Amino acid sequence: MSETDRIPAAQLPPGTVGRAGKWAVVNRDGEYSAVSRRCRHQLADLSKGTLDADGCLVCPWHQAKYDVRSGEMVAGPRGILGYHGPTPGYTQFVRGYAKVLKLRVKKALRRGDDVVVEG
């Protein structure tokens, strides 16, 4: 673990996403998870994403959704480059290779005033 693989817990209230080094860290109602920060679609920074009602991490660029427990892309993307909308065929292609190139997953735990990415 490096010193950058942490984020102050005060910056990560329930339902939010933050950055801890090369990790996107989420707080799902007090349950912390960490995944690699780069979306498998067009490499957007997932630490700037959001959590949806199901607790999935949503990419800020084209709304691809990731299960933060497994790193698997479960939906999307909804666009390409600057376009936001349906992309029949292309979306299935991206989801296909994202099954092989899942996000890396690490434990994130509260340690004092910080949330720390472990492993």
N, C-alpha and C. Protein backbone atom coordinates (compact mmCIF):
# COMPACT_ATOMS: atom_id res chain seq x y z
N MET A 1 0.85 -1.17 0.00
CA MET A 1 0.00 0.00 0.00
C MET A 1 0.89 1.23 0.00
N SER A 2 0.56 2.18 -0.82
CA SER A 2 1.29 3.43 -0.80
C SER A 2 0.49 4.47 -0.04
N GLU A 3 1.13 5.57 0.29
CA GLU A 3 0.44 6.64 1.02
C GLU A 3 -0.71 7.21 0.21
N THR A 4 -0.70 7.06 -1.10
CA THR A 4 -1.77 7.63 -1.92
C THR A 4 -2.96 6.70 -2.04
N ASP A 5 -2.85 5.48 -1.52
CA ASP A 5 -3.96 4.53 -1.62
C ASP A 5 -4.90 4.68 -0.43
N ARG A 6 -5.21 5.93 -0.11
CA ARG A 6 -6.12 6.24 0.99
C ARG A 6 -6.85 7.52 0.66
N ILE A 7 -8.00 7.68 1.30
CA ILE A 7 -8.80 8.89 1.16
C ILE A 7 -9.41 9.19 2.52
N PRO A 8 -9.45 10.46 2.92
CA PRO A 8 -10.12 10.77 4.19
C PRO A 8 -11.57 10.33 4.15
N ALA A 9 -12.00 9.63 5.18
CA ALA A 9 -13.37 9.13 5.22
C ALA A 9 -14.38 10.27 5.13
N ALA A 10 -14.03 11.44 5.61
CA ALA A 10 -14.93 12.59 5.54
C ALA A 10 -15.22 13.00 4.10
N GLN A 11 -14.33 12.64 3.16
CA GLN A 11 -14.53 12.96 1.75
C GLN A 11 -15.33 11.87 1.02
N LEU A 12 -15.75 10.84 1.76
CA LEU A 12 -16.42 9.70 1.14
C LEU A 12 -17.67 9.31 1.92
N PRO A 13 -18.67 10.21 2.00
CA PRO A 13 -19.90 9.86 2.71
C PRO A 13 -20.67 8.77 1.95
N PRO A 14 -21.64 8.13 2.59
CA PRO A 14 -22.42 7.08 1.92
C PRO A 14 -22.99 7.56 0.58
N GLY A 15 -22.89 6.67 -0.42
CA GLY A 15 -23.43 6.96 -1.75
C GLY A 15 -22.49 7.72 -2.65
N THR A 16 -21.21 7.84 -2.27
CA THR A 16 -20.28 8.63 -3.07
C THR A 16 -19.11 7.79 -3.57
N VAL A 17 -18.35 8.42 -4.49
CA VAL A 17 -17.17 7.82 -5.10
C VAL A 17 -16.02 8.81 -4.92
N GLY A 18 -14.83 8.30 -4.64
CA GLY A 18 -13.65 9.16 -4.51
C GLY A 18 -12.43 8.49 -5.09
N ARG A 19 -11.31 9.19 -5.02
CA ARG A 19 -10.05 8.70 -5.58
C ARG A 19 -9.05 8.44 -4.47
N ALA A 20 -8.44 7.27 -4.53
CA ALA A 20 -7.34 6.93 -3.63
C ALA A 20 -6.22 6.36 -4.49
N GLY A 21 -5.32 7.22 -4.92
CA GLY A 21 -4.25 6.79 -5.83
C GLY A 21 -4.83 6.33 -7.15
N LYS A 22 -4.51 5.10 -7.54
CA LYS A 22 -5.01 4.57 -8.82
C LYS A 22 -6.33 3.83 -8.67
N TRP A 23 -7.03 4.06 -7.55
CA TRP A 23 -8.28 3.35 -7.26
C TRP A 23 -9.47 4.31 -7.17
N ALA A 24 -10.60 3.84 -7.65
CA ALA A 24 -11.88 4.49 -7.40
C ALA A 24 -12.46 3.79 -6.19
N VAL A 25 -12.75 4.55 -5.14
CA VAL A 25 -13.25 3.99 -3.89
C VAL A 25 -14.69 4.44 -3.72
N VAL A 26 -15.57 3.49 -3.39
CA VAL A 26 -16.99 3.80 -3.22
C VAL A 26 -17.43 3.48 -1.80
N ASN A 27 -18.44 4.21 -1.37
CA ASN A 27 -19.05 3.96 -0.08
C ASN A 27 -20.50 3.61 -0.34
N ARG A 28 -20.81 2.33 -0.24
CA ARG A 28 -22.18 1.84 -0.41
C ARG A 28 -22.79 1.67 0.97
N ASP A 29 -23.32 2.76 1.50
CA ASP A 29 -23.96 2.75 2.83
C ASP A 29 -23.05 2.17 3.90
N GLY A 30 -21.81 2.62 3.93
CA GLY A 30 -20.86 2.17 4.95
C GLY A 30 -20.01 0.98 4.55
N GLU A 31 -20.30 0.39 3.41
CA GLU A 31 -19.48 -0.72 2.88
C GLU A 31 -18.58 -0.14 1.80
N TYR A 32 -17.27 -0.20 2.02
CA TYR A 32 -16.31 0.38 1.10
C TYR A 32 -15.80 -0.67 0.11
N SER A 33 -15.57 -0.23 -1.12
CA SER A 33 -14.98 -1.08 -2.16
C SER A 33 -14.03 -0.22 -2.98
N ALA A 34 -13.04 -0.88 -3.59
CA ALA A 34 -12.10 -0.18 -4.45
C ALA A 34 -11.95 -0.95 -5.76
N VAL A 35 -11.98 -0.21 -6.86
CA VAL A 35 -11.76 -0.80 -8.18
C VAL A 35 -10.77 0.08 -8.94
N SER A 36 -10.12 -0.50 -9.95
CA SER A 36 -9.21 0.29 -10.78
C SER A 36 -9.99 1.44 -11.41
N ARG A 37 -9.31 2.57 -11.62
CA ARG A 37 -10.00 3.81 -11.98
C ARG A 37 -10.38 3.95 -13.44
N ARG A 38 -9.86 3.18 -14.34
CA ARG A 38 -10.08 3.41 -15.77
C ARG A 38 -11.19 2.54 -16.33
N CYS A 39 -12.20 3.21 -16.88
CA CYS A 39 -13.32 2.52 -17.52
C CYS A 39 -12.79 1.67 -18.68
N ARG A 40 -13.36 0.51 -18.87
CA ARG A 40 -12.94 -0.39 -19.94
C ARG A 40 -13.44 0.06 -21.31
N HIS A 41 -14.26 1.08 -21.35
CA HIS A 41 -14.79 1.58 -22.62
C HIS A 41 -13.81 2.54 -23.26
N GLN A 42 -13.66 3.75 -22.70
CA GLN A 42 -12.74 4.74 -23.28
C GLN A 42 -11.83 5.35 -22.21
N LEU A 43 -11.59 4.59 -21.15
CA LEU A 43 -10.62 4.92 -20.12
C LEU A 43 -10.97 6.17 -19.30
N ALA A 44 -12.25 6.47 -19.16
CA ALA A 44 -12.66 7.58 -18.30
C ALA A 44 -12.25 7.28 -16.86
N ASP A 45 -12.08 8.33 -16.08
CA ASP A 45 -11.71 8.21 -14.68
C ASP A 45 -12.95 7.88 -13.86
N LEU A 46 -13.04 6.64 -13.41
CA LEU A 46 -14.22 6.18 -12.68
C LEU A 46 -14.34 6.81 -11.29
N SER A 47 -13.27 7.41 -10.78
CA SER A 47 -13.37 8.08 -9.49
C SER A 47 -14.22 9.34 -9.60
N LYS A 48 -14.54 9.75 -10.82
CA LYS A 48 -15.42 10.90 -11.04
C LYS A 48 -16.84 10.44 -11.38
N GLY A 49 -17.08 9.14 -11.24
CA GLY A 49 -18.39 8.57 -11.51
C GLY A 49 -19.34 8.72 -10.34
N THR A 50 -20.44 8.00 -10.42
CA THR A 50 -21.46 8.04 -9.38
C THR A 50 -21.88 6.61 -9.04
N LEU A 51 -22.62 6.47 -7.95
CA LEU A 51 -23.24 5.20 -7.61
C LEU A 51 -24.71 5.27 -7.96
N ASP A 52 -25.24 4.21 -8.57
CA ASP A 52 -26.67 4.19 -8.87
C ASP A 52 -27.43 3.56 -7.70
N ALA A 53 -28.73 3.45 -7.85
CA ALA A 53 -29.59 2.92 -6.77
C ALA A 53 -29.25 1.47 -6.42
N ASP A 54 -28.65 0.73 -7.37
CA ASP A 54 -28.28 -0.66 -7.11
C ASP A 54 -26.87 -0.80 -6.54
N GLY A 55 -26.17 0.32 -6.35
CA GLY A 55 -24.82 0.28 -5.82
C GLY A 55 -23.76 0.03 -6.87
N CYS A 56 -24.13 0.19 -8.16
CA CYS A 56 -23.16 0.03 -9.24
C CYS A 56 -22.44 1.35 -9.49
N LEU A 57 -21.17 1.27 -9.84
CA LEU A 57 -20.38 2.43 -10.20
C LEU A 57 -20.69 2.79 -11.65
N VAL A 58 -21.08 4.04 -11.88
CA VAL A 58 -21.49 4.50 -13.20
C VAL A 58 -20.41 5.42 -13.77
N CYS A 59 -19.94 5.08 -14.96
CA CYS A 59 -18.90 5.87 -15.63
C CYS A 59 -19.42 7.28 -15.93
N PRO A 60 -18.60 8.30 -15.69
CA PRO A 60 -19.05 9.67 -15.93
C PRO A 60 -19.19 10.03 -17.40
N TRP A 61 -18.57 9.29 -18.30
CA TRP A 61 -18.62 9.66 -19.72
C TRP A 61 -19.81 9.07 -20.46
N HIS A 62 -19.98 7.75 -20.43
CA HIS A 62 -21.02 7.11 -21.24
C HIS A 62 -21.88 6.13 -20.45
N GLN A 63 -21.87 6.26 -19.13
CA GLN A 63 -22.76 5.55 -18.23
C GLN A 63 -22.63 4.03 -18.23
N ALA A 64 -21.47 3.49 -18.58
CA ALA A 64 -21.23 2.07 -18.36
C ALA A 64 -21.33 1.84 -16.86
N LYS A 65 -21.87 0.69 -16.46
CA LYS A 65 -22.05 0.39 -15.04
C LYS A 65 -21.22 -0.82 -14.65
N TYR A 66 -20.61 -0.73 -13.47
CA TYR A 66 -19.75 -1.79 -12.96
C TYR A 66 -20.21 -2.26 -11.59
N ASP A 67 -20.16 -3.57 -11.40
CA ASP A 67 -20.36 -4.16 -10.08
C ASP A 67 -19.04 -3.98 -9.33
N VAL A 68 -19.05 -3.21 -8.24
CA VAL A 68 -17.81 -2.92 -7.53
C VAL A 68 -17.28 -4.10 -6.73
N ARG A 69 -18.07 -5.13 -6.56
CA ARG A 69 -17.61 -6.32 -5.84
C ARG A 69 -16.83 -7.26 -6.74
N SER A 70 -17.22 -7.31 -8.02
CA SER A 70 -16.58 -8.24 -8.95
C SER A 70 -15.72 -7.54 -10.01
N GLY A 71 -15.95 -6.24 -10.25
CA GLY A 71 -15.26 -5.52 -11.30
C GLY A 71 -15.89 -5.72 -12.67
N GLU A 72 -16.99 -6.44 -12.74
CA GLU A 72 -17.63 -6.75 -14.01
C GLU A 72 -18.49 -5.59 -14.51
N MET A 73 -18.41 -5.31 -15.82
CA MET A 73 -19.29 -4.34 -16.44
C MET A 73 -20.67 -5.00 -16.56
N VAL A 74 -21.68 -4.39 -15.98
CA VAL A 74 -23.02 -4.99 -15.98
C VAL A 74 -23.99 -4.28 -16.92
N ALA A 75 -23.61 -3.11 -17.42
CA ALA A 75 -24.45 -2.38 -18.38
C ALA A 75 -23.60 -1.36 -19.12
N GLY A 76 -24.08 -1.03 -20.33
CA GLY A 76 -23.46 0.08 -21.07
C GLY A 76 -22.37 -0.38 -21.98
N PRO A 77 -21.69 0.57 -22.56
CA PRO A 77 -21.83 2.01 -22.46
C PRO A 77 -23.01 2.55 -23.27
N ARG A 78 -23.31 3.81 -23.06
CA ARG A 78 -24.40 4.47 -23.79
C ARG A 78 -23.84 5.62 -24.61
N GLY A 79 -22.96 5.30 -25.54
CA GLY A 79 -22.39 6.32 -26.40
C GLY A 79 -20.95 6.00 -26.76
N ILE A 80 -20.37 6.88 -27.56
CA ILE A 80 -18.98 6.77 -27.98
C ILE A 80 -18.47 8.18 -28.27
N LEU A 81 -17.23 8.42 -27.90
CA LEU A 81 -16.62 9.73 -28.03
C LEU A 81 -17.54 10.78 -27.42
N GLY A 82 -17.96 11.81 -28.15
CA GLY A 82 -18.83 12.85 -27.60
C GLY A 82 -20.31 12.54 -27.71
N TYR A 83 -20.66 11.45 -28.36
CA TYR A 83 -22.07 11.08 -28.58
C TYR A 83 -22.62 10.33 -27.37
N HIS A 84 -23.81 10.71 -26.94
CA HIS A 84 -24.50 10.03 -25.85
C HIS A 84 -25.83 9.53 -26.38
N GLY A 85 -25.96 8.22 -26.49
CA GLY A 85 -27.19 7.63 -26.99
C GLY A 85 -26.97 6.18 -27.35
N PRO A 86 -27.95 5.57 -28.00
CA PRO A 86 -27.86 4.15 -28.35
C PRO A 86 -26.71 3.86 -29.32
N THR A 87 -26.06 2.74 -29.10
CA THR A 87 -24.98 2.28 -29.99
C THR A 87 -25.14 0.77 -30.20
N PRO A 88 -26.18 0.34 -30.91
CA PRO A 88 -26.39 -1.10 -31.12
C PRO A 88 -25.15 -1.76 -31.73
N GLY A 89 -24.85 -2.93 -31.26
CA GLY A 89 -23.69 -3.67 -31.75
C GLY A 89 -22.42 -3.24 -31.03
N TYR A 90 -22.13 -1.97 -31.03
CA TYR A 90 -20.92 -1.47 -30.38
C TYR A 90 -20.96 -1.73 -28.87
N THR A 91 -22.10 -1.47 -28.25
CA THR A 91 -22.23 -1.71 -26.81
C THR A 91 -21.98 -3.17 -26.48
N GLN A 92 -22.52 -4.08 -27.29
CA GLN A 92 -22.32 -5.51 -27.04
C GLN A 92 -20.84 -5.89 -27.23
N PHE A 93 -20.18 -5.27 -28.19
CA PHE A 93 -18.76 -5.51 -28.41
C PHE A 93 -17.95 -5.10 -27.18
N VAL A 94 -18.22 -3.89 -26.67
CA VAL A 94 -17.49 -3.41 -25.50
C VAL A 94 -17.76 -4.29 -24.30
N ARG A 95 -19.01 -4.66 -24.08
CA ARG A 95 -19.33 -5.54 -22.94
C ARG A 95 -18.66 -6.89 -23.09
N GLY A 96 -18.50 -7.36 -24.33
CA GLY A 96 -17.84 -8.65 -24.56
C GLY A 96 -16.39 -8.63 -24.11
N TYR A 97 -15.63 -7.62 -24.55
CA TYR A 97 -14.22 -7.61 -24.12
C TYR A 97 -14.08 -7.18 -22.67
N ALA A 98 -15.05 -6.45 -22.14
CA ALA A 98 -14.99 -6.07 -20.72
C ALA A 98 -15.16 -7.28 -19.80
N LYS A 99 -15.74 -8.38 -20.32
CA LYS A 99 -15.84 -9.59 -19.51
C LYS A 99 -14.46 -10.19 -19.27
N VAL A 100 -13.58 -10.00 -20.22
CA VAL A 100 -12.21 -10.49 -20.09
C VAL A 100 -11.36 -9.48 -19.33
N LEU A 101 -11.59 -8.21 -19.58
CA LEU A 101 -10.81 -7.14 -18.96
C LEU A 101 -11.60 -6.45 -17.85
N LYS A 102 -11.95 -7.21 -16.83
CA LYS A 102 -12.70 -6.65 -15.71
C LYS A 102 -11.85 -5.63 -14.96
N LEU A 103 -12.52 -4.76 -14.22
CA LEU A 103 -11.80 -3.86 -13.34
C LEU A 103 -11.12 -4.68 -12.25
N ARG A 104 -9.96 -4.24 -11.83
CA ARG A 104 -9.31 -4.88 -10.68
C ARG A 104 -10.06 -4.46 -9.42
N VAL A 105 -10.15 -5.35 -8.47
CA VAL A 105 -10.90 -5.11 -7.23
C VAL A 105 -9.96 -5.31 -6.05
N LYS A 106 -10.05 -4.39 -5.09
CA LYS A 106 -9.28 -4.51 -3.84
C LYS A 106 -10.19 -4.21 -2.67
N LYS A 107 -9.77 -4.64 -1.50
CA LYS A 107 -10.50 -4.30 -0.28
C LYS A 107 -10.24 -2.84 0.07
N ALA A 108 -11.25 -2.19 0.58
CA ALA A 108 -11.10 -0.84 1.12
C ALA A 108 -11.74 -0.86 2.50
N LEU A 109 -10.98 -0.43 3.49
CA LEU A 109 -11.44 -0.50 4.87
C LEU A 109 -11.23 0.83 5.58
N ARG A 110 -12.09 1.12 6.51
CA ARG A 110 -11.94 2.30 7.35
C ARG A 110 -10.85 2.03 8.35
N ARG A 111 -9.86 2.91 8.38
CA ARG A 111 -8.75 2.84 9.34
C ARG A 111 -8.60 4.23 9.96
N GLY A 112 -9.18 4.41 11.13
CA GLY A 112 -9.13 5.73 11.77
C GLY A 112 -9.93 6.73 10.97
N ASP A 113 -9.29 7.82 10.57
CA ASP A 113 -9.96 8.88 9.82
C ASP A 113 -9.93 8.65 8.31
N ASP A 114 -9.30 7.57 7.86
CA ASP A 114 -9.14 7.30 6.44
C ASP A 114 -9.83 6.02 6.00
N VAL A 115 -10.08 5.96 4.70
CA VAL A 115 -10.45 4.70 4.04
C VAL A 115 -9.20 4.29 3.26
N VAL A 116 -8.73 3.08 3.51
CA VAL A 116 -7.46 2.60 2.97
C VAL A 116 -7.70 1.44 2.04
N VAL A 117 -7.06 1.48 0.87
CA VAL A 117 -7.12 0.37 -0.10
C VAL A 117 -6.04 -0.62 0.30
N GLU A 118 -6.43 -1.88 0.50
CA GLU A 118 -5.49 -2.90 0.94
C GLU A 118 -5.25 -3.94 -0.13
N GLY A 119 -4.10 -4.61 0.01
CA GLY A 119 -3.82 -5.74 -0.86
C GLY A 119 -2.87 -5.47 -1.91
